[in-house]
């Protein structure tokens, strides 16, 4: 899952113009510089485009930190492979 974290962190940095050092597994989205609801939706679109995974909007919006988002994506991948 470290590879997935790196990919998600890169997407967050690109979408929200967040400094690289701020994106850690325990980082809360509401504490990130430049983070707004628009960035949240842009990140969702980037995840779906770049990673080829379709996330439930309610589940996605309920995630509060980067580690939770990585876990949500991993769970979706696991569920899709069954």
C-alpha atoms as a PDB file:
ATOM      1  CA  UNK A   1       0.000   0.000   0.000  1.00  0.00           C
ATOM      2  CA  UNK A   2       2.974   2.414   0.186  1.00  0.00           C
ATOM      3  CA  UNK A   3       2.853   2.709  -3.617  1.00  0.00           C
ATOM      4  CA  UNK A   4      -0.834   3.610  -3.485  1.00  0.00           C
ATOM      5  CA  UNK A   5      -0.154   6.220  -0.798  1.00  0.00           C
ATOM      6  CA  UNK A   6       2.526   7.803  -3.000  1.00  0.00           C
ATOM      7  CA  UNK A   7       0.150   7.932  -5.961  1.00  0.00           C
ATOM      8  CA  UNK A   8      -2.667   9.450  -3.887  1.00  0.00           C
ATOM      9  CA  UNK A   9      -0.280  11.955  -2.287  1.00  0.00           C
ATOM     10  CA  UNK A  10       0.928  13.017  -5.733  1.00  0.00           C
ATOM     11  CA  UNK A  11      -2.664  13.536  -6.883  1.00  0.00           C
ATOM     12  CA  UNK A  12      -3.469  15.625  -3.789  1.00  0.00           C
ATOM     13  CA  UNK A  13      -0.386  17.758  -4.370  1.00  0.00           C
ATOM     14  CA  UNK A  14      -1.311  18.327  -8.031  1.00  0.00           C
ATOM     15  CA  UNK A  15      -5.023  18.947  -7.570  1.00  0.00           C
ATOM     16  CA  UNK A  16      -4.858  21.212  -4.521  1.00  0.00           C
ATOM     17  CA  UNK A  17      -1.377  22.672  -4.948  1.00  0.00           C
ATOM     18  CA  UNK A  18      -0.531  21.380  -1.477  1.00  0.00           C
ATOM     19  CA  UNK A  19       3.128  21.416  -0.414  1.00  0.00           C
ATOM     20  CA  UNK A  20       4.596  17.905  -0.552  1.00  0.00           C
ATOM     21  CA  UNK A  21       5.510  17.848   3.134  1.00  0.00           C
ATOM     22  CA  UNK A  22       1.883  18.319   4.202  1.00  0.00           C
ATOM     23  CA  UNK A  23       0.624  15.118   2.590  1.00  0.00           C
ATOM     24  CA  UNK A  24       1.248  12.382   5.158  1.00  0.00           C
ATOM     25  CA  UNK A  25      -0.964   9.383   5.974  1.00  0.00           C
ATOM     26  CA  UNK A  26      -2.318  11.047   9.122  1.00  0.00           C
ATOM     27  CA  UNK A  27      -2.932  14.419   7.429  1.00  0.00           C
ATOM     28  CA  UNK A  28      -6.537  15.583   7.708  1.00  0.00           C
ATOM     29  CA  UNK A  29      -7.975  17.092   4.551  1.00  0.00           C
ATOM     30  CA  UNK A  30      -9.496  20.027   6.420  1.00  0.00           C
ATOM     31  CA  UNK A  31      -6.011  20.958   7.680  1.00  0.00           C
ATOM     32  CA  UNK A  32      -4.317  20.977   4.267  1.00  0.00           C
ATOM     33  CA  UNK A  33      -3.349  24.305   2.751  1.00  0.00           C
ATOM     34  CA  UNK A  34      -5.663  25.325  -0.119  1.00  0.00           C
ATOM     35  CA  UNK A  35      -8.164  22.513   0.626  1.00  0.00           C
ATOM     36  CA  UNK A  36     -11.778  23.316  -0.290  1.00  0.00           C
ATOM     37  CA  UNK A  37     -14.813  21.357  -1.437  1.00  0.00           C
ATOM     38  CA  UNK A  38     -13.807  22.105  -5.036  1.00  0.00           C
ATOM     39  CA  UNK A  39     -10.430  20.440  -4.479  1.00  0.00           C
ATOM     40  CA  UNK A  40     -12.216  17.469  -2.927  1.00  0.00           C
ATOM     41  CA  UNK A  41     -14.306  17.005  -6.084  1.00  0.00           C
ATOM     42  CA  UNK A  42     -11.309  17.565  -8.342  1.00  0.00           C
ATOM     43  CA  UNK A  43      -9.399  14.927  -6.385  1.00  0.00           C
ATOM     44  CA  UNK A  44     -12.270  12.455  -6.731  1.00  0.00           C
ATOM     45  CA  UNK A  45     -12.275  12.966 -10.509  1.00  0.00           C
ATOM     46  CA  UNK A  46      -8.482  12.579 -10.656  1.00  0.00           C
ATOM     47  CA  UNK A  47      -8.609   9.352  -8.626  1.00  0.00           C
ATOM     48  CA  UNK A  48     -11.306   7.910 -10.854  1.00  0.00           C
ATOM     49  CA  UNK A  49      -9.441   8.923 -14.042  1.00  0.00           C
ATOM     50  CA  UNK A  50      -5.902   8.024 -13.005  1.00  0.00           C
ATOM     51  CA  UNK A  51      -6.565   4.933 -10.901  1.00  0.00           C
ATOM     52  CA  UNK A  52      -9.606   3.598 -12.745  1.00  0.00           C
ATOM     53  CA  UNK A  53     -11.637   3.173  -9.579  1.00  0.00           C
ATOM     54  CA  UNK A  54     -15.204   4.372  -8.995  1.00  0.00           C
ATOM     55  CA  UNK A  55     -15.735   5.582  -5.420  1.00  0.00           C
ATOM     56  CA  UNK A  56     -19.078   6.092  -3.740  1.00  0.00           C
ATOM     57  CA  UNK A  57     -19.483   9.854  -3.247  1.00  0.00           C
ATOM     58  CA  UNK A  58     -20.884   9.569   0.293  1.00  0.00           C
ATOM     59  CA  UNK A  59     -18.098   7.240   1.404  1.00  0.00           C
ATOM     60  CA  UNK A  60     -15.490   9.459  -0.220  1.00  0.00           C
ATOM     61  CA  UNK A  61     -16.790  12.633   1.415  1.00  0.00           C
ATOM     62  CA  UNK A  62     -16.879  10.883   4.811  1.00  0.00           C
ATOM     63  CA  UNK A  63     -13.126  10.215   4.687  1.00  0.00           C
ATOM     64  CA  UNK A  64     -11.277  12.694   6.883  1.00  0.00           C
ATOM     65  CA  UNK A  65      -7.614  11.860   6.294  1.00  0.00           C
ATOM     66  CA  UNK A  66      -5.233  10.671   3.615  1.00  0.00           C
ATOM     67  CA  UNK A  67      -4.768   7.212   5.154  1.00  0.00           C
ATOM     68  CA  UNK A  68      -8.542   6.718   5.161  1.00  0.00           C
ATOM     69  CA  UNK A  69      -8.692   7.626   1.479  1.00  0.00           C
ATOM     70  CA  UNK A  70      -5.929   5.166   0.631  1.00  0.00           C
ATOM     71  CA  UNK A  71      -7.813   2.455   2.564  1.00  0.00           C
ATOM     72  CA  UNK A  72     -11.065   3.303   0.748  1.00  0.00           C
ATOM     73  CA  UNK A  73      -9.373   3.004  -2.648  1.00  0.00           C
ATOM     74  CA  UNK A  74      -7.668  -0.259  -1.670  1.00  0.00           C
ATOM     75  CA  UNK A  75     -10.974  -1.697  -0.437  1.00  0.00           C
ATOM     76  CA  UNK A  76     -12.674  -0.706  -3.681  1.00  0.00           C
ATOM     77  CA  UNK A  77      -9.923  -2.393  -5.690  1.00  0.00           C
ATOM     78  CA  UNK A  78     -10.261  -5.533  -3.542  1.00  0.00           C
ATOM     79  CA  UNK A  79     -14.031  -5.535  -4.004  1.00  0.00           C
ATOM     80  CA  UNK A  80     -13.755  -5.021  -7.758  1.00  0.00           C
ATOM     81  CA  UNK A  81     -11.383  -7.951  -8.145  1.00  0.00           C
ATOM     82  CA  UNK A  82     -13.843 -10.431  -6.602  1.00  0.00           C
END
